N, C-alpha and C. Protein backbone atom coordinates (compact mmCIF):
# COMPACT_ATOMS: atom_id res chain seq x y z
N UNK A 1 -16.57 14.24 34.72
CA UNK A 1 -15.98 13.60 34.10
C UNK A 1 -17.15 12.21 33.60
N UNK A 2 -16.65 11.67 32.56
CA UNK A 2 -17.43 10.65 31.76
C UNK A 2 -16.51 9.06 32.38
N UNK A 3 -16.82 8.36 32.10
CA UNK A 3 -16.30 7.05 32.04
C UNK A 3 -15.83 6.39 31.21
N UNK A 4 -13.92 5.87 31.78
CA UNK A 4 -13.18 5.39 30.94
C UNK A 4 -13.64 3.96 30.09
N UNK A 5 -13.74 2.98 28.90
CA UNK A 5 -14.08 2.04 28.71
C UNK A 5 -12.69 1.46 27.61
N UNK A 6 -12.49 0.51 27.78
CA UNK A 6 -11.32 0.28 26.72
C UNK A 6 -12.09 -1.24 25.96
N UNK A 7 -11.59 -1.19 24.62
CA UNK A 7 -12.34 -2.06 23.39
C UNK A 7 -11.46 -3.30 23.55
N UNK A 8 -11.40 -4.37 23.64
CA UNK A 8 -10.99 -5.60 23.62
C UNK A 8 -11.15 -5.91 22.13
N UNK A 9 -10.16 -7.34 22.03
CA UNK A 9 -10.31 -7.39 20.77
C UNK A 9 -11.06 -8.63 19.99
N UNK A 10 -11.99 -8.67 21.07
CA UNK A 10 -13.66 -9.12 20.70
C UNK A 10 -14.77 -8.03 20.26
N UNK A 11 -14.48 -7.10 20.34
CA UNK A 11 -15.08 -6.38 20.24
C UNK A 11 -16.16 -5.60 21.47
N UNK A 12 -15.83 -6.14 22.70
CA UNK A 12 -16.32 -6.15 23.72
C UNK A 12 -15.56 -4.60 24.65
N UNK A 13 -16.56 -3.98 25.61
CA UNK A 13 -15.63 -2.83 26.24
C UNK A 13 -15.49 -3.41 28.10
N UNK A 14 -14.51 -2.87 28.75
CA UNK A 14 -14.55 -3.30 30.10
C UNK A 14 -14.43 -1.80 30.90
N UNK A 15 -14.34 -1.55 31.92
CA UNK A 15 -14.56 -0.20 32.39
C UNK A 15 -12.80 -0.74 32.53
N UNK A 16 -12.38 0.59 32.44
CA UNK A 16 -10.92 1.10 32.85
C UNK A 16 -10.78 0.75 34.55
N UNK A 17 -11.75 1.73 35.13
CA UNK A 17 -11.71 1.19 36.23
C UNK A 17 -11.60 0.60 37.13
N UNK A 18 -12.06 -0.59 37.02
CA UNK A 18 -12.07 -2.19 37.09
C UNK A 18 -10.86 -2.66 37.24
N UNK A 19 -9.94 -2.21 36.32
CA UNK A 19 -8.55 -2.99 35.64
C UNK A 19 -7.59 -2.88 37.04
N UNK A 20 -7.36 -3.97 36.96
CA UNK A 20 -7.08 -4.56 38.37
C UNK A 20 -4.65 -5.00 37.67
N UNK A 21 -4.73 -4.90 36.65
CA UNK A 21 -3.44 -5.61 35.91
C UNK A 21 -3.57 -5.57 34.15
N UNK A 22 -2.54 -5.34 33.99
CA UNK A 22 -2.21 -5.64 32.73
C UNK A 22 -1.21 -5.83 32.31
N UNK A 23 -0.73 -7.47 31.41
CA UNK A 23 0.25 -8.15 31.08
C UNK A 23 0.17 -8.42 30.15
N UNK A 24 1.74 -8.23 29.20
CA UNK A 24 1.92 -9.10 28.32
C UNK A 24 2.59 -10.16 28.41
N UNK A 25 2.86 -11.02 27.14
CA UNK A 25 2.99 -12.39 27.11
C UNK A 25 3.56 -12.74 25.76
N UNK A 26 4.10 -13.53 25.18
CA UNK A 26 4.25 -14.28 23.86
C UNK A 26 3.44 -13.89 22.81
N UNK A 27 3.53 -14.25 21.91
CA UNK A 27 2.64 -14.56 20.88
C UNK A 27 1.16 -15.85 21.29
N UNK A 28 0.26 -15.88 21.31
CA UNK A 28 -0.43 -17.24 21.46
C UNK A 28 -0.63 -17.75 20.34
N UNK A 29 -0.24 -17.26 18.76
CA UNK A 29 -0.41 -18.54 17.57
C UNK A 29 1.12 -18.71 18.07
N UNK A 30 1.98 -17.66 17.98
CA UNK A 30 3.61 -18.39 17.70
C UNK A 30 4.74 -18.72 18.47
N UNK A 31 4.74 -19.24 19.19
CA UNK A 31 6.19 -19.08 20.33
C UNK A 31 6.91 -18.45 19.57
N UNK A 32 7.71 -18.52 18.79
CA UNK A 32 9.00 -16.86 17.78
C UNK A 32 8.29 -15.90 17.20
N UNK A 33 7.23 -15.68 17.26
CA UNK A 33 6.77 -14.21 16.65
C UNK A 33 5.49 -13.78 17.99
N UNK A 34 5.41 -12.38 18.02
CA UNK A 34 4.49 -11.98 18.30
C UNK A 34 4.05 -11.60 19.64
N UNK A 35 3.54 -10.89 19.67
CA UNK A 35 2.94 -10.74 21.57
C UNK A 35 1.68 -10.61 21.93
N UNK A 36 0.66 -10.70 22.90
CA UNK A 36 -0.19 -10.31 23.36
C UNK A 36 -0.91 -9.44 24.29
N UNK A 37 -1.25 -8.56 24.20
CA UNK A 37 -1.25 -7.54 25.62
C UNK A 37 -3.19 -7.51 26.53
N UNK A 38 -3.24 -8.13 27.43
CA UNK A 38 -4.46 -8.13 28.38
C UNK A 38 -4.93 -7.24 29.76
N UNK A 39 -5.72 -7.06 29.80
CA UNK A 39 -6.27 -6.52 30.83
C UNK A 39 -6.59 -7.63 32.12
N UNK A 40 -7.17 -7.43 32.95
CA UNK A 40 -7.48 -8.19 33.95
C UNK A 40 -8.29 -7.20 34.83
N UNK A 41 -9.95 -7.81 34.66
CA UNK A 41 -10.78 -7.49 35.01
C UNK A 41 -11.84 -8.57 35.87
N UNK A 42 -11.72 -8.38 37.33
CA UNK A 42 -12.75 -8.96 38.09
C UNK A 42 -12.47 -9.97 38.18
N UNK A 43 -10.22 -10.10 38.65
CA UNK A 43 -10.18 -12.14 37.64
C UNK A 43 -10.37 -12.33 36.49
N UNK A 44 -10.93 -11.61 35.77
CA UNK A 44 -11.38 -12.36 34.36
C UNK A 44 -10.41 -11.53 32.85
N UNK A 45 -9.27 -12.28 32.34
CA UNK A 45 -9.00 -11.68 31.39
C UNK A 45 -9.38 -11.56 30.10
N UNK A 46 -9.11 -10.00 29.45
CA UNK A 46 -9.61 -9.25 28.63
C UNK A 46 -8.42 -9.27 27.38
N UNK A 47 -8.12 -9.40 26.48
CA UNK A 47 -7.18 -9.41 25.22
C UNK A 47 -7.53 -7.80 24.33
N UNK A 48 -6.56 -7.36 24.68
CA UNK A 48 -6.28 -6.30 23.68
C UNK A 48 -5.79 -6.35 22.47
N UNK A 49 -4.95 -6.87 22.36
CA UNK A 49 -3.65 -6.79 21.03
C UNK A 49 -3.58 -8.65 21.30
N UNK A 50 -3.74 -8.76 20.12
CA UNK A 50 -3.24 -10.17 19.68
C UNK A 50 -2.36 -10.64 18.48
N UNK A 51 -0.76 -9.60 18.79
CA UNK A 51 -0.05 -9.56 17.66
C UNK A 51 0.78 -10.84 17.01
N UNK A 52 0.56 -11.86 15.91
CA UNK A 52 0.82 -12.77 15.70
C UNK A 52 2.22 -12.30 15.06
N UNK A 53 2.14 -11.49 14.52
CA UNK A 53 3.08 -10.62 13.17
C UNK A 53 4.45 -10.27 13.72
N UNK A 54 4.59 -9.98 14.39
CA UNK A 54 5.65 -9.01 15.50
C UNK A 54 6.84 -9.72 15.84
N UNK A 55 7.99 -9.79 14.64
CA UNK A 55 9.19 -10.62 14.68
C UNK A 55 10.58 -10.14 15.84
N UNK A 56 11.28 -10.83 16.06
CA UNK A 56 12.10 -10.41 16.59
C UNK A 56 12.21 -11.02 18.05
N UNK A 57 13.33 -11.54 18.65
CA UNK A 57 13.80 -12.21 19.77
C UNK A 57 12.27 -12.00 20.66
N UNK A 58 12.40 -13.40 21.90
CA UNK A 58 11.20 -13.23 22.93
C UNK A 58 11.82 -11.25 23.57
N UNK A 59 12.84 -11.11 23.98
CA UNK A 59 13.43 -9.91 24.64
C UNK A 59 12.27 -9.08 23.89
N UNK A 60 13.03 -8.47 22.25
CA UNK A 60 12.80 -7.02 21.86
C UNK A 60 11.06 -7.35 22.03
N UNK A 61 10.14 -8.50 21.76
CA UNK A 61 9.18 -8.59 21.48
C UNK A 61 8.39 -8.23 22.39
N UNK A 62 8.64 -8.79 23.87
CA UNK A 62 7.73 -8.31 25.21
C UNK A 62 8.69 -6.75 25.77
N UNK A 63 9.47 -6.35 25.23
CA UNK A 63 10.00 -4.87 25.14
C UNK A 63 8.86 -3.88 24.48
N UNK A 64 8.57 -4.21 23.32
CA UNK A 64 7.82 -3.63 22.18
C UNK A 64 6.31 -3.55 22.91
N UNK A 65 6.06 -4.91 23.75
CA UNK A 65 4.76 -4.90 24.04
C UNK A 65 4.66 -3.78 25.66
N UNK A 66 5.82 -4.30 25.85
CA UNK A 66 5.79 -2.78 27.91
C UNK A 66 5.72 -2.00 26.84
N UNK A 67 6.35 -1.22 25.59
CA UNK A 67 6.21 0.52 25.59
C UNK A 67 4.18 0.57 25.27
N UNK A 68 3.99 -0.56 25.02
CA UNK A 68 2.54 -0.56 24.28
C UNK A 68 1.64 -0.11 25.94
N UNK A 69 1.85 -0.81 26.85
CA UNK A 69 1.33 -1.50 28.00
C UNK A 69 1.39 0.17 28.37
N UNK A 70 2.92 0.98 28.21
CA UNK A 70 3.24 2.43 29.11
C UNK A 70 1.98 3.14 27.69
N UNK A 71 1.91 3.10 26.71
CA UNK A 71 1.40 3.80 25.83
C UNK A 71 0.45 3.26 26.19
N UNK A 72 -0.62 2.58 26.67
CA UNK A 72 -2.13 2.37 27.28
C UNK A 72 -2.70 2.63 28.42
N UNK A 73 -1.55 3.18 29.68
CA UNK A 73 -1.40 3.78 30.43
C UNK A 73 -2.06 5.42 30.56
N UNK A 74 -0.96 5.34 29.38
CA UNK A 74 -0.94 7.39 29.02
C UNK A 74 -2.95 7.39 28.42
N UNK A 75 -3.16 6.64 27.93
CA UNK A 75 -3.91 7.19 27.35
C UNK A 75 -5.13 6.93 28.34
N UNK A 76 -5.47 5.74 29.46
CA UNK A 76 -5.69 5.89 29.94
C UNK A 76 -6.35 6.74 30.87
N UNK A 77 -4.93 7.43 31.40
CA UNK A 77 -4.26 8.82 31.65
C UNK A 77 -5.62 10.13 31.23
N UNK A 78 -5.22 10.08 30.04
CA UNK A 78 -5.87 11.43 28.85
C UNK A 78 -7.26 10.95 29.04
N UNK A 79 -7.69 9.95 29.43
CA UNK A 79 -9.32 9.68 28.70
C UNK A 79 -10.18 10.06 30.05
N UNK A 80 -9.22 9.62 31.39
CA UNK A 80 -10.19 9.93 33.19
C UNK A 80 -10.06 11.57 32.30
N UNK A 81 -9.41 12.76 32.18
CA UNK A 81 -9.41 13.50 31.95
C UNK A 81 -10.70 14.88 31.47
N UNK A 82 -11.37 13.58 30.02
CA UNK A 82 -12.44 14.30 29.54
C UNK A 82 -13.58 14.20 30.03
N UNK A 83 -14.22 15.25 29.38
CA UNK A 83 -15.91 15.69 30.24
C UNK A 83 -16.78 14.39 29.58
N UNK A 84 -16.71 13.84 28.71
CA UNK A 84 -17.02 12.49 28.07
C UNK A 84 -16.95 11.20 28.83
N UNK A 85 -17.71 10.32 28.27
CA UNK A 85 -17.25 9.24 28.62
C UNK A 85 -16.72 9.15 26.83
N UNK A 86 -15.26 8.42 27.52
CA UNK A 86 -14.65 7.58 26.68
C UNK A 86 -14.36 6.45 26.50
N UNK A 87 -13.77 5.85 24.94
CA UNK A 87 -13.55 4.49 24.76
C UNK A 87 -11.76 4.60 24.23
N UNK A 88 -11.40 3.84 25.22
CA UNK A 88 -9.63 3.42 24.51
C UNK A 88 -9.66 2.13 23.32
N UNK A 89 -9.65 2.28 22.47
CA UNK A 89 -9.36 1.57 21.06
C UNK A 89 -7.95 1.50 20.63
N UNK A 90 -8.01 0.11 20.41
CA UNK A 90 -5.98 0.09 19.92
C UNK A 90 -6.36 0.28 18.41
N UNK A 91 -5.76 0.38 18.00
CA UNK A 91 -5.65 1.04 16.38
C UNK A 91 -4.59 -0.40 15.65
N UNK A 92 -4.55 -1.49 15.33
CA UNK A 92 -3.70 -2.03 14.56
C UNK A 92 -2.81 -1.32 13.76
N UNK A 93 -3.25 -0.84 12.39
CA UNK A 93 -2.37 -0.10 11.49
C UNK A 93 -1.65 0.62 11.73
N UNK A 94 -1.38 1.41 13.33
CA UNK A 94 -0.75 2.52 13.37
C UNK A 94 -0.07 2.44 14.74
N UNK A 95 -0.62 1.07 15.00
CA UNK A 95 0.14 0.84 16.07
C UNK A 95 -0.25 1.50 17.18
N UNK A 96 -1.28 2.35 17.85
CA UNK A 96 -1.52 3.40 18.53
C UNK A 96 -2.73 3.28 19.68
N UNK A 97 -2.72 3.99 20.41
CA UNK A 97 -4.11 3.52 21.05
C UNK A 97 -4.81 4.92 21.00
N UNK A 98 -6.48 4.69 20.89
CA UNK A 98 -6.77 6.12 20.22
C UNK A 98 -7.88 6.32 21.33
N UNK A 99 -8.63 7.45 21.16
CA UNK A 99 -9.31 7.90 22.29
C UNK A 99 -10.56 8.50 21.50
N UNK A 100 -11.64 7.59 21.46
CA UNK A 100 -13.13 8.38 20.82
C UNK A 100 -13.91 8.45 21.97
N UNK A 101 -14.97 9.64 21.80
CA UNK A 101 -16.20 9.58 22.55
C UNK A 101 -16.93 8.27 22.54
N UNK A 102 -17.89 8.60 23.53
CA UNK A 102 -18.79 6.63 23.22
C UNK A 102 -19.59 7.87 22.75
N UNK A 103 -20.47 8.75 22.60
CA UNK A 103 -21.58 9.09 21.62
C UNK A 103 -20.60 9.36 19.74
N UNK A 104 -19.20 9.40 20.19
CA UNK A 104 -19.03 8.51 18.16
C UNK A 104 -18.79 7.43 18.07
N UNK A 105 -18.14 7.00 18.92
CA UNK A 105 -18.34 5.50 18.45
C UNK A 105 -20.08 4.47 18.17
N UNK A 106 -21.01 5.19 18.76
CA UNK A 106 -22.59 5.00 18.63
C UNK A 106 -23.03 5.22 18.20
N UNK A 107 -22.57 6.99 17.21
CA UNK A 107 -23.22 7.80 15.98
C UNK A 107 -22.06 6.89 14.64
N UNK A 108 -21.17 6.27 14.82
CA UNK A 108 -20.10 5.64 13.71
C UNK A 108 -19.99 6.29 13.39
N UNK A 109 -19.58 8.10 13.72
CA UNK A 109 -18.44 8.95 13.59
C UNK A 109 -17.54 8.53 13.60
N UNK A 110 -16.35 8.77 12.46
CA UNK A 110 -15.15 8.72 12.27
C UNK A 110 -14.52 10.19 13.72
N UNK A 111 -13.54 9.58 14.11
CA UNK A 111 -12.52 10.74 15.06
C UNK A 111 -10.93 11.05 14.54
N UNK A 112 -11.27 12.19 15.07
CA UNK A 112 -9.65 12.44 14.62
C UNK A 112 -8.89 11.49 16.32
N UNK A 113 -9.20 11.91 17.35
CA UNK A 113 -8.91 11.43 18.26
C UNK A 113 -7.15 11.46 18.79
N UNK A 114 -6.85 11.58 20.20
CA UNK A 114 -5.53 11.43 20.83
C UNK A 114 -5.07 10.28 20.16
N UNK A 115 -3.77 9.92 19.87
CA UNK A 115 -2.82 8.69 19.07
C UNK A 115 -1.97 8.44 20.64
N UNK A 116 -2.18 7.15 20.74
CA UNK A 116 -0.82 7.06 21.91
C UNK A 116 -0.06 5.83 21.57
N UNK A 117 1.48 5.68 21.41
CA UNK A 117 1.62 4.63 20.64
C UNK A 117 2.76 5.11 20.14
N UNK A 118 3.35 3.95 19.14
CA UNK A 118 4.32 4.16 17.87
C UNK A 118 3.93 5.29 16.72
């Protein structure tokens, strides 16, 4: 089994097995819309989603964020079963998590990948 990595919004990678917490908050830009999703690795926050466009009440936005947290956990579990090293990436257009092998990303190949989320 290969390593599992998660791509952040800054395009860096964090090791999934080092994640100690997954958290979501209201949008970082606007109080009335959006949400952010981050993982904590070795005490440092790494943002994975910063969606300032999602409208709705705070409760509705945080519920959406919780669904994305659950989808991230499912994607991480699926990635752990892969034989090769896998990167879990958030796909903004489809609002889902996509799994790609590290070799696909390094080679610039497109991946059919598995999707998790909306």
